Amino acid sequence: MSPNFRIAVRFLLAKKRSMLMSLAGIVFGVGFFISTQAQLSGYQNLFIDTILGTDGAIRIEDRIQDVNVFLAAPTTDGGDTGFFTTDKENRRFVEGIEHPETVIESIMELSNVEAASPVIKGNIQLQSPLREDNGQVYGIFVDPHIAVSALEDQIRSGSIAAFRAAPMGIIMGHKMATRLDVAVGDSVVVRAVDQQRRFSIAAIFETGVSEIDKSRVFMHMSATRSLLKKPHGVSFVQVSVYDRDRAIADALVIENVAEHFAAAWQEREKSWMQLFKTLKISAAITVSTIIIVSGLGMFSTLFMIVMDKTREIAILRSMGYTRNDISNIFLWQGFIVLVCGTILGCGMGALITFGIESLPMPLSGIFATEHFVVTWSHWHYVQAVFAAVVIVMVASVAPARRASKLVPGDVIRGTAS
């Protein structure tokens, strides 16, 4: 153990009450920082999983119709020539996908694409014996759609097997079923365009997204084509990927390969992702104020130590201690408090996160959960420690510089300032 470290410990013990207050602030600040970031990240990831499970990572929709623009250019002989180029800013779109099989075959060559499901979408009216409601029908092929969504896991009553075995069966959102006052096994009349069909309810699902649960109805592709009078093409192709973070890049590649507009989940849910980002930054700033207040307390305490220990500092300087040695003694004090505070704070953060994860918290709206959701990530601990390091070391530098500038002669004469 170096002499500088031993002296730093003795100086700390001289103001142990003040330092314990600063230490406690760092512990609580780091702990709350970790737990709040774990909660917000947990809800963000749950939202992303819900979106990927309902609408897929990428949605391929309308066919791109490029607009060609003629650019004129002068020639060396004084004449004019020109050429056509594609105007990417003013592209036109043709609704729907006319040849979904070709599109799916072309995108399945991409390494990150896991599966694809063609879907026909349309507006419908549903009528039960007691009530009537509006909804949206999604015509699907069962197995491909299960591969790109979490539909099978979202079933609350009934089963996918029952739906697969019933050509005139439907899967309905639980809020719509509640509004229509129907259950699995009941039948409803579905109207679209200028015709109607009677369908039986094979299953009821819940995504946790209120808008989906009260409006979406899944139906077999063949039945949907007949009901909507759409014998060819589909409305969109839903795509799942292995690495969801690469969805934006894959969407751009798909646009070039398939010549259809492709929207990644990050673009579709951009406003929600920005909201989560803002909340995480706001929470980090708010909780960091606890560490800042502790840093100010440490700053004040170290300055008091400098003022109280001027004679001891003068004696150390006269014994041969350099300015750097004196500065290091006070930096050591900040470092000791920092290390103890961050270690205890990380432990406290882990305990709070573990405790919160066990608490019941029923929630539905943009996602569904029965308890608090957290995400365990080492980056939360890194960010908390980094914030503590910056604040504590800044608070320690000024007192350390002040102590190093004391001149032994001035202290003895009583003229040190």
Protein backbone atom coordinates (compact mmCIF):
# COMPACT_ATOMS: atom_id res chain seq x y z
CA MET A 1 0.00 0.00 0.00
CA SER A 2 1.53 3.34 -1.07
CA PRO A 3 2.03 6.18 1.44
CA ASN A 4 -0.24 8.44 -0.66
CA PHE A 5 -3.07 5.91 -0.40
CA ARG A 6 -2.66 5.55 3.39
CA ILE A 7 -2.72 9.31 3.87
CA ALA A 8 -5.82 9.58 1.63
CA VAL A 9 -7.61 7.03 3.82
CA ARG A 10 -6.71 8.93 7.00
CA PHE A 11 -7.96 12.20 5.52
CA LEU A 12 -11.20 10.48 4.50
CA LEU A 13 -11.76 9.07 7.99
CA ALA A 14 -11.38 12.58 9.36
CA LYS A 15 -14.59 13.53 7.50
CA LYS A 16 -16.27 10.14 7.47
CA ARG A 17 -19.81 11.40 8.04
CA SER A 18 -19.69 13.78 5.09
CA MET A 19 -18.03 11.17 2.90
CA LEU A 20 -20.59 8.54 3.88
CA MET A 21 -23.34 10.90 2.73
CA SER A 22 -21.57 11.34 -0.61
CA LEU A 23 -20.99 7.58 -0.82
CA ALA A 24 -24.68 6.90 -0.15
CA GLY A 25 -25.68 9.34 -2.89
CA ILE A 26 -23.46 7.58 -5.42
CA VAL A 27 -24.79 4.16 -4.39
CA PHE A 28 -28.42 5.23 -4.74
CA GLY A 29 -27.74 7.16 -7.94
CA VAL A 30 -26.02 4.23 -9.64
CA GLY A 31 -28.62 1.76 -8.37
CA PHE A 32 -31.61 3.80 -9.54
CA PHE A 33 -29.90 4.54 -12.87
CA ILE A 34 -29.50 0.81 -13.56
CA SER A 35 -33.02 -0.14 -12.46
CA THR A 36 -34.80 2.61 -14.43
CA GLN A 37 -32.86 1.82 -17.62
CA ALA A 38 -33.61 -1.90 -17.15
CA GLN A 39 -37.35 -1.16 -16.91
CA LEU A 40 -37.49 1.15 -19.91
CA SER A 41 -35.40 -1.23 -22.01
CA GLY A 42 -37.65 -4.09 -20.93
CA TYR A 43 -40.82 -2.34 -22.05
CA GLN A 44 -39.14 -1.23 -25.27
CA ASN A 45 -38.08 -4.79 -26.10
CA LEU A 46 -41.56 -6.09 -25.22
CA PHE A 47 -43.06 -3.51 -27.59
CA ILE A 48 -40.65 -4.55 -30.36
CA ASP A 49 -41.42 -8.24 -29.82
CA THR A 50 -45.14 -7.47 -29.96
CA ILE A 51 -44.75 -5.52 -33.21
CA LEU A 52 -42.59 -8.23 -34.79
CA GLY A 53 -45.08 -10.88 -33.68
CA THR A 54 -48.06 -9.10 -35.21
CA ASP A 55 -46.86 -7.16 -38.28
CA GLY A 56 -43.47 -8.72 -38.97
CA ALA A 57 -40.00 -7.22 -39.26
CA ILE A 58 -40.51 -6.07 -42.86
CA ARG A 59 -43.69 -5.49 -44.83
CA ILE A 60 -43.52 -5.51 -48.65
CA GLU A 61 -46.40 -3.62 -50.17
CA ASP A 62 -46.92 -1.63 -53.37
CA ARG A 63 -45.05 -2.11 -56.64
CA ILE A 64 -42.63 0.71 -57.41
CA GLN A 65 -43.18 2.48 -60.69
CA ASP A 66 -40.11 4.60 -61.43
CA VAL A 67 -40.55 8.00 -63.06
CA ASN A 68 -37.97 8.72 -65.79
CA VAL A 69 -36.70 12.28 -66.22
CA PHE A 70 -34.97 13.55 -69.37
CA LEU A 71 -31.76 15.48 -68.71
CA ALA A 72 -30.43 17.65 -71.56
CA ALA A 73 -26.70 18.27 -72.05
CA PRO A 74 -24.89 20.44 -74.63
CA THR A 75 -22.50 18.79 -77.11
CA THR A 76 -19.14 20.04 -78.37
CA ASP A 77 -20.59 21.07 -81.74
CA GLY A 78 -23.12 23.38 -80.14
CA GLY A 79 -26.06 20.99 -80.31
CA ASP A 80 -28.04 19.32 -77.54
CA THR A 81 -28.19 15.75 -76.44
CA GLY A 82 -29.65 14.07 -73.39
CA PHE A 83 -30.54 10.92 -71.49
CA PHE A 84 -33.23 9.53 -69.24
CA THR A 85 -32.61 8.90 -65.53
CA THR A 86 -34.79 7.64 -62.69
CA ASP A 87 -36.26 10.27 -60.37
CA LYS A 88 -36.13 8.53 -56.97
CA GLU A 89 -37.83 11.45 -55.19
CA ASN A 90 -41.02 11.22 -57.25
CA ARG A 91 -41.61 7.49 -57.52
CA ARG A 92 -45.13 6.23 -58.06
CA PHE A 93 -46.64 3.16 -56.44
CA VAL A 94 -49.10 0.63 -57.82
CA GLU A 95 -51.26 -0.75 -55.01
CA GLY A 96 -50.73 -4.38 -53.98
CA ILE A 97 -48.46 -7.18 -55.13
CA GLU A 98 -49.60 -8.81 -58.36
CA HIS A 99 -47.17 -11.74 -58.32
CA PRO A 100 -46.39 -12.56 -54.66
CA GLU A 101 -44.78 -15.92 -55.49
CA THR A 102 -42.11 -14.18 -57.59
CA VAL A 103 -41.46 -11.58 -54.90
CA ILE A 104 -41.15 -14.21 -52.15
CA GLU A 105 -38.85 -16.36 -54.30
CA SER A 106 -36.53 -13.39 -54.92
CA ILE A 107 -36.28 -12.25 -51.28
CA MET A 108 -35.75 -15.74 -49.85
CA GLU A 109 -32.27 -15.62 -51.39
CA LEU A 110 -31.27 -13.00 -48.82
CA SER A 111 -29.30 -14.45 -45.90
CA ASN A 112 -31.19 -12.55 -43.17
CA VAL A 113 -34.70 -13.39 -44.41
CA GLU A 114 -36.25 -16.20 -42.36
CA ALA A 115 -39.76 -16.57 -43.82
CA ALA A 116 -42.43 -14.71 -45.79
CA SER A 117 -46.23 -14.81 -45.81
CA PRO A 118 -48.58 -13.30 -48.43
CA VAL A 119 -51.62 -11.51 -46.97
CA ILE A 120 -54.83 -10.08 -48.43
CA LYS A 121 -56.30 -7.25 -46.39
CA GLY A 122 -59.77 -5.74 -46.60
CA ASN A 123 -62.54 -4.03 -44.66
CA ILE A 124 -65.47 -6.11 -43.44
CA GLN A 125 -68.56 -5.98 -41.29
CA LEU A 126 -69.32 -8.70 -38.75
CA GLN A 127 -72.72 -9.48 -37.31
CA SER A 128 -73.46 -11.73 -34.37
CA PRO A 129 -76.97 -12.61 -33.13
CA LEU A 130 -76.84 -9.58 -30.82
CA ARG A 131 -74.50 -6.97 -32.30
CA GLU A 132 -72.67 -5.67 -35.35
CA ASP A 133 -69.12 -4.37 -35.69
CA ASN A 134 -66.57 -3.28 -38.30
CA GLY A 135 -63.20 -4.95 -38.75
CA GLN A 136 -60.32 -5.79 -41.05
CA VAL A 137 -59.88 -9.24 -42.55
CA TYR A 138 -56.41 -10.71 -43.10
CA GLY A 139 -56.45 -13.57 -45.58
CA ILE A 140 -53.52 -15.91 -44.89
CA PHE A 141 -51.98 -19.28 -45.58
CA VAL A 142 -51.74 -20.81 -42.12
CA ASP A 143 -48.25 -22.30 -41.99
CA PRO A 144 -46.37 -19.45 -43.73
CA HIS A 145 -48.09 -16.88 -41.50
CA ILE A 146 -47.27 -18.77 -38.31
CA ALA A 147 -43.63 -18.72 -39.45
CA VAL A 148 -43.57 -14.90 -39.67
CA SER A 149 -45.74 -14.05 -36.65
CA ALA A 150 -46.53 -15.01 -33.06
CA LEU A 151 -50.17 -15.81 -33.90
CA GLU A 152 -50.00 -19.35 -32.53
CA ASP A 153 -48.65 -18.09 -29.18
CA GLN A 154 -51.29 -15.34 -29.02
CA ILE A 155 -54.27 -17.73 -29.09
CA ARG A 156 -56.35 -17.36 -25.89
CA SER A 157 -59.04 -19.91 -26.69
CA GLY A 158 -59.53 -22.38 -29.50
CA SER A 159 -56.50 -23.50 -31.53
CA ILE A 160 -54.63 -23.10 -34.78
CA ALA A 161 -55.40 -26.77 -35.53
CA ALA A 162 -59.13 -26.04 -35.38
CA PHE A 163 -58.67 -23.08 -37.72
CA ARG A 164 -56.57 -25.14 -40.13
CA ALA A 165 -59.28 -27.83 -40.29
CA ALA A 166 -62.15 -25.37 -40.89
CA PRO A 167 -62.21 -23.80 -44.40
CA MET A 168 -64.92 -21.39 -43.22
CA GLY A 169 -63.31 -20.72 -39.85
CA ILE A 170 -61.91 -17.41 -38.57
CA ILE A 171 -59.60 -16.24 -35.79
CA MET A 172 -60.87 -13.12 -34.02
CA GLY A 173 -59.32 -10.61 -31.63
CA HIS A 174 -60.54 -10.94 -28.05
CA LYS A 175 -61.83 -7.35 -27.82
CA MET A 176 -63.88 -7.81 -30.95
CA ALA A 177 -65.25 -11.10 -29.56
CA THR A 178 -66.22 -9.29 -26.36
CA ARG A 179 -67.98 -6.51 -28.26
CA LEU A 180 -69.86 -9.02 -30.42
CA ASP A 181 -70.56 -11.20 -27.37
CA VAL A 182 -69.34 -14.39 -29.09
CA ALA A 183 -67.01 -17.25 -28.18
CA VAL A 184 -65.16 -20.11 -29.87
CA GLY A 185 -67.66 -22.31 -31.74
CA ASP A 186 -70.15 -19.49 -32.38
CA SER A 187 -70.84 -18.28 -35.90
CA VAL A 188 -70.95 -14.75 -37.31
CA VAL A 189 -72.03 -13.27 -40.62
CA VAL A 190 -69.22 -11.48 -42.45
CA ARG A 191 -70.08 -8.88 -45.09
CA ALA A 192 -67.72 -7.36 -47.65
CA VAL A 193 -68.18 -5.66 -51.03
CA ASP A 194 -71.69 -6.84 -52.08
CA GLN A 195 -71.85 -10.27 -50.52
CA GLN A 196 -71.84 -12.05 -47.20
CA ARG A 197 -70.74 -15.40 -45.76
CA ARG A 198 -71.28 -17.19 -42.47
CA PHE A 199 -68.11 -18.20 -40.62
CA SER A 200 -67.47 -20.09 -37.40
CA ILE A 201 -65.03 -18.81 -34.78
CA ALA A 202 -62.17 -21.33 -34.56
CA ALA A 203 -59.98 -19.34 -32.15
CA ILE A 204 -59.67 -16.02 -30.31
CA PHE A 205 -56.30 -14.25 -29.99
CA GLU A 206 -54.84 -11.45 -27.87
CA THR A 207 -51.78 -9.43 -28.88
CA GLY A 208 -52.07 -6.76 -26.19
CA VAL A 209 -52.30 -4.06 -28.88
CA SER A 210 -55.79 -2.65 -28.39
CA GLU A 211 -56.29 -1.51 -32.00
CA ILE A 212 -55.43 -4.96 -33.36
CA ASP A 213 -57.44 -6.94 -30.81
CA LYS A 214 -60.62 -5.01 -31.54
CA SER A 215 -60.44 -4.98 -35.34
CA ARG A 216 -58.36 -7.80 -36.86
CA VAL A 217 -59.84 -11.07 -38.14
CA PHE A 218 -57.80 -13.86 -39.75
CA MET A 219 -59.36 -15.95 -42.51
CA HIS A 220 -58.12 -18.57 -44.97
CA MET A 221 -56.71 -17.13 -48.19
CA SER A 222 -59.22 -18.90 -50.46
CA ALA A 223 -62.21 -17.73 -48.41
CA THR A 224 -60.85 -14.17 -48.35
CA ARG A 225 -60.37 -14.09 -52.12
CA SER A 226 -63.98 -15.17 -52.60
CA LEU A 227 -65.35 -12.72 -50.03
CA LEU A 228 -63.38 -9.69 -51.28
CA LYS A 229 -63.54 -10.69 -54.95
CA LYS A 230 -59.77 -10.59 -55.32
CA PRO A 231 -58.83 -13.65 -57.39
CA HIS A 232 -55.26 -12.50 -58.01
CA GLY A 233 -52.44 -10.83 -56.09
CA VAL A 234 -52.17 -9.89 -52.42
CA SER A 235 -52.14 -6.69 -50.37
CA PHE A 236 -48.69 -7.21 -48.84
CA VAL A 237 -46.06 -9.77 -47.91
CA GLN A 238 -45.07 -10.03 -44.24
CA VAL A 239 -41.42 -10.96 -43.68
CA SER A 240 -39.55 -12.23 -40.62
CA VAL A 241 -35.77 -11.94 -40.28
CA TYR A 242 -33.07 -13.53 -38.14
CA ASP A 243 -31.45 -10.25 -37.05
CA ARG A 244 -34.09 -7.58 -36.45
CA ASP A 245 -31.48 -4.79 -36.22
CA ARG A 246 -30.63 -5.32 -39.89
CA ALA A 247 -34.24 -4.85 -41.04
CA ILE A 248 -33.70 -1.33 -42.46
CA ALA A 249 -30.76 -2.43 -44.62
CA ASP A 250 -32.67 -5.54 -45.73
CA ALA A 251 -35.70 -3.43 -46.67
CA LEU A 252 -33.54 -1.32 -48.99
CA VAL A 253 -32.13 -4.45 -50.61
CA ILE A 254 -35.63 -5.91 -51.01
CA GLU A 255 -36.81 -2.74 -52.75
CA ASN A 256 -34.02 -3.11 -55.32
CA VAL A 257 -34.44 -6.87 -55.73
CA ALA A 258 -38.24 -7.16 -55.72
CA GLU A 259 -39.06 -3.66 -57.07
CA HIS A 260 -41.71 -3.22 -54.38
CA PHE A 261 -41.87 -0.78 -51.49
CA ALA A 262 -40.56 -2.37 -48.27
CA ALA A 263 -41.00 -0.88 -44.80
CA ALA A 264 -38.86 -2.09 -41.88
CA TRP A 265 -40.35 -2.17 -38.38
CA GLN A 266 -38.04 0.68 -37.30
CA GLU A 267 -39.60 2.96 -39.92
CA ARG A 268 -43.17 1.84 -39.25
CA GLU A 269 -42.84 2.43 -35.50
CA LYS A 270 -40.45 5.38 -35.66
CA SER A 271 -42.54 7.63 -33.40
CA TRP A 272 -42.77 4.96 -30.66
CA MET A 273 -39.05 4.23 -30.84
CA GLN A 274 -38.27 7.94 -30.51
CA LEU A 275 -40.58 8.10 -27.50
CA PHE A 276 -38.77 5.23 -25.77
CA LYS A 277 -35.40 6.83 -26.56
CA THR A 278 -36.56 10.16 -25.12
CA LEU A 279 -37.86 8.47 -21.96
CA LYS A 280 -34.56 6.63 -21.44
CA ILE A 281 -32.54 9.83 -21.84
CA SER A 282 -34.92 11.74 -19.56
CA ALA A 283 -34.74 9.03 -16.90
CA ALA A 284 -30.94 8.92 -17.13
CA ILE A 285 -30.69 12.70 -16.68
CA THR A 286 -33.16 12.72 -13.79
CA VAL A 287 -31.49 9.89 -11.88
CA SER A 288 -28.01 11.30 -12.58
CA THR A 289 -28.93 14.38 -10.54
CA ILE A 290 -28.62 12.20 -7.44
CA ILE A 291 -25.00 11.46 -8.40
CA ILE A 292 -24.43 15.15 -9.23
CA VAL A 293 -25.68 16.23 -5.81
CA SER A 294 -23.39 13.63 -4.23
CA GLY A 295 -20.53 14.96 -6.34
CA LEU A 296 -21.20 18.48 -5.09
CA GLY A 297 -21.20 17.15 -1.52
CA MET A 298 -17.86 15.45 -2.13
CA PHE A 299 -16.50 18.62 -3.72
CA SER A 300 -17.45 20.59 -0.60
CA THR A 301 -16.06 17.91 1.75
CA LEU A 302 -12.72 17.70 -0.05
CA PHE A 303 -12.37 21.49 0.06
CA MET A 304 -13.05 21.37 3.80
CA ILE A 305 -10.36 18.70 4.17
CA VAL A 306 -7.94 20.94 2.26
CA MET A 307 -8.71 23.85 4.59
CA ASP A 308 -8.49 21.70 7.73
CA LYS A 309 -5.30 19.91 6.70
CA THR A 310 -3.22 22.84 5.47
CA ARG A 311 -0.59 22.33 8.19
CA GLU A 312 -0.39 18.59 7.47
CA ILE A 313 -0.05 19.36 3.75
CA ALA A 314 2.73 21.87 4.53
CA ILE A 315 4.54 19.28 6.63
CA LEU A 316 4.25 16.72 3.81
CA ARG A 317 5.65 19.25 1.32
CA SER A 318 8.56 20.03 3.66
CA MET A 319 9.26 16.29 3.94
CA GLY A 320 9.75 16.09 0.18
CA TYR A 321 6.27 15.37 -1.15
CA THR A 322 5.82 16.97 -4.56
CA ARG A 323 2.80 18.86 -5.85
CA ASN A 324 1.78 15.74 -7.77
CA ASP A 325 1.95 13.67 -4.57
CA ILE A 326 -0.38 16.08 -2.76
CA SER A 327 -2.75 16.16 -5.74
CA ASN A 328 -2.75 12.35 -5.91
CA ILE A 329 -3.68 12.09 -2.22
CA PHE A 330 -6.93 13.96 -2.85
CA LEU A 331 -7.57 12.16 -6.13
CA TRP A 332 -7.16 8.90 -4.22
CA GLN A 333 -9.92 10.01 -1.85
CA GLY A 334 -12.29 10.56 -4.74
CA PHE A 335 -11.23 7.25 -6.31
CA ILE A 336 -11.87 5.31 -3.07
CA VAL A 337 -15.38 6.76 -2.72
CA LEU A 338 -16.01 6.16 -6.44
CA VAL A 339 -14.99 2.49 -6.37
CA CYS A 340 -16.95 1.72 -3.20
CA GLY A 341 -19.98 3.64 -4.48
CA THR A 342 -20.09 2.03 -7.92
CA ILE A 343 -19.60 -1.52 -6.59
CA LEU A 344 -22.33 -1.10 -3.98
CA GLY A 345 -24.50 0.80 -6.48
CA CYS A 346 -24.24 -1.95 -9.10
CA GLY A 347 -25.21 -4.50 -6.47
CA MET A 348 -28.12 -2.34 -5.39
CA GLY A 349 -29.21 -1.88 -9.01
CA ALA A 350 -29.22 -5.64 -9.57
CA LEU A 351 -31.27 -6.21 -6.42
CA ILE A 352 -33.81 -3.50 -7.33
CA THR A 353 -34.10 -4.87 -10.88
CA PHE A 354 -34.63 -8.40 -9.57
CA GLY A 355 -37.25 -7.21 -7.11
CA ILE A 356 -39.13 -5.13 -9.69
CA GLU A 357 -39.17 -8.06 -12.11
CA SER A 358 -41.20 -10.05 -9.59
CA LEU A 359 -43.87 -7.40 -9.01
CA PRO A 360 -47.31 -7.86 -10.66
CA MET A 361 -48.27 -5.13 -13.13
CA PRO A 362 -51.20 -6.00 -15.44
CA LEU A 363 -51.01 -3.84 -18.55
CA SER A 364 -52.52 -3.79 -22.04
CA GLY A 365 -52.81 -1.18 -24.76
CA ILE A 366 -49.69 -1.13 -26.92
CA PHE A 367 -48.54 -4.47 -25.47
CA ALA A 368 -49.73 -6.96 -22.86
CA THR A 369 -47.96 -8.04 -19.69
CA GLU A 370 -48.92 -9.27 -16.22
CA HIS A 371 -45.80 -8.01 -14.39
CA PHE A 372 -43.02 -5.45 -14.65
CA VAL A 373 -40.74 -6.18 -17.59
CA VAL A 374 -36.99 -5.61 -17.34
CA THR A 375 -34.00 -6.24 -19.57
CA TRP A 376 -30.72 -7.35 -18.05
CA SER A 377 -27.89 -5.65 -19.93
CA HIS A 378 -24.27 -4.98 -18.98
CA TRP A 379 -24.52 -1.64 -20.84
CA HIS A 380 -26.80 -0.26 -18.11
CA TYR A 381 -24.04 -0.91 -15.59
CA VAL A 382 -21.37 0.56 -17.89
CA GLN A 383 -23.43 3.74 -18.42
CA ALA A 384 -24.11 4.14 -14.68
CA VAL A 385 -20.45 3.66 -13.76
CA PHE A 386 -19.34 6.06 -16.50
CA ALA A 387 -21.71 8.77 -15.21
CA ALA A 388 -20.39 8.28 -11.66
CA VAL A 389 -16.74 8.34 -12.81
CA VAL A 390 -17.19 11.62 -14.69
CA ILE A 391 -19.05 13.38 -11.87
CA VAL A 392 -16.84 12.17 -8.99
CA MET A 393 -13.53 12.79 -10.75
CA VAL A 394 -14.63 16.29 -11.78
CA ALA A 395 -15.59 16.96 -8.15
CA SER A 396 -12.17 15.73 -6.99
CA VAL A 397 -9.95 17.63 -9.41
CA ALA A 398 -10.48 21.18 -8.12
CA PRO A 399 -9.73 20.38 -4.42
CA ALA A 400 -6.72 18.32 -5.50
CA ARG A 401 -5.33 21.24 -7.55
CA ARG A 402 -5.98 23.62 -4.65
CA ALA A 403 -4.11 21.38 -2.22
CA SER A 404 -1.14 20.96 -4.59
CA LYS A 405 -0.71 24.76 -4.89
CA LEU A 406 -0.28 25.33 -1.15
CA VAL A 407 3.21 26.68 -0.34
CA PRO A 408 4.70 25.43 2.97
CA GLY A 409 6.16 28.86 3.81
CA ASP A 410 2.84 30.60 3.37
CA VAL A 411 1.13 28.06 5.59
CA ILE A 412 3.69 28.55 8.37
CA ARG A 413 3.42 32.34 8.11
CA GLY A 414 -0.38 32.08 8.02
CA THR A 415 -0.65 33.81 4.64
CA ALA A 416 -1.86 30.80 2.62
CA SER A 417 -5.02 31.49 0.66
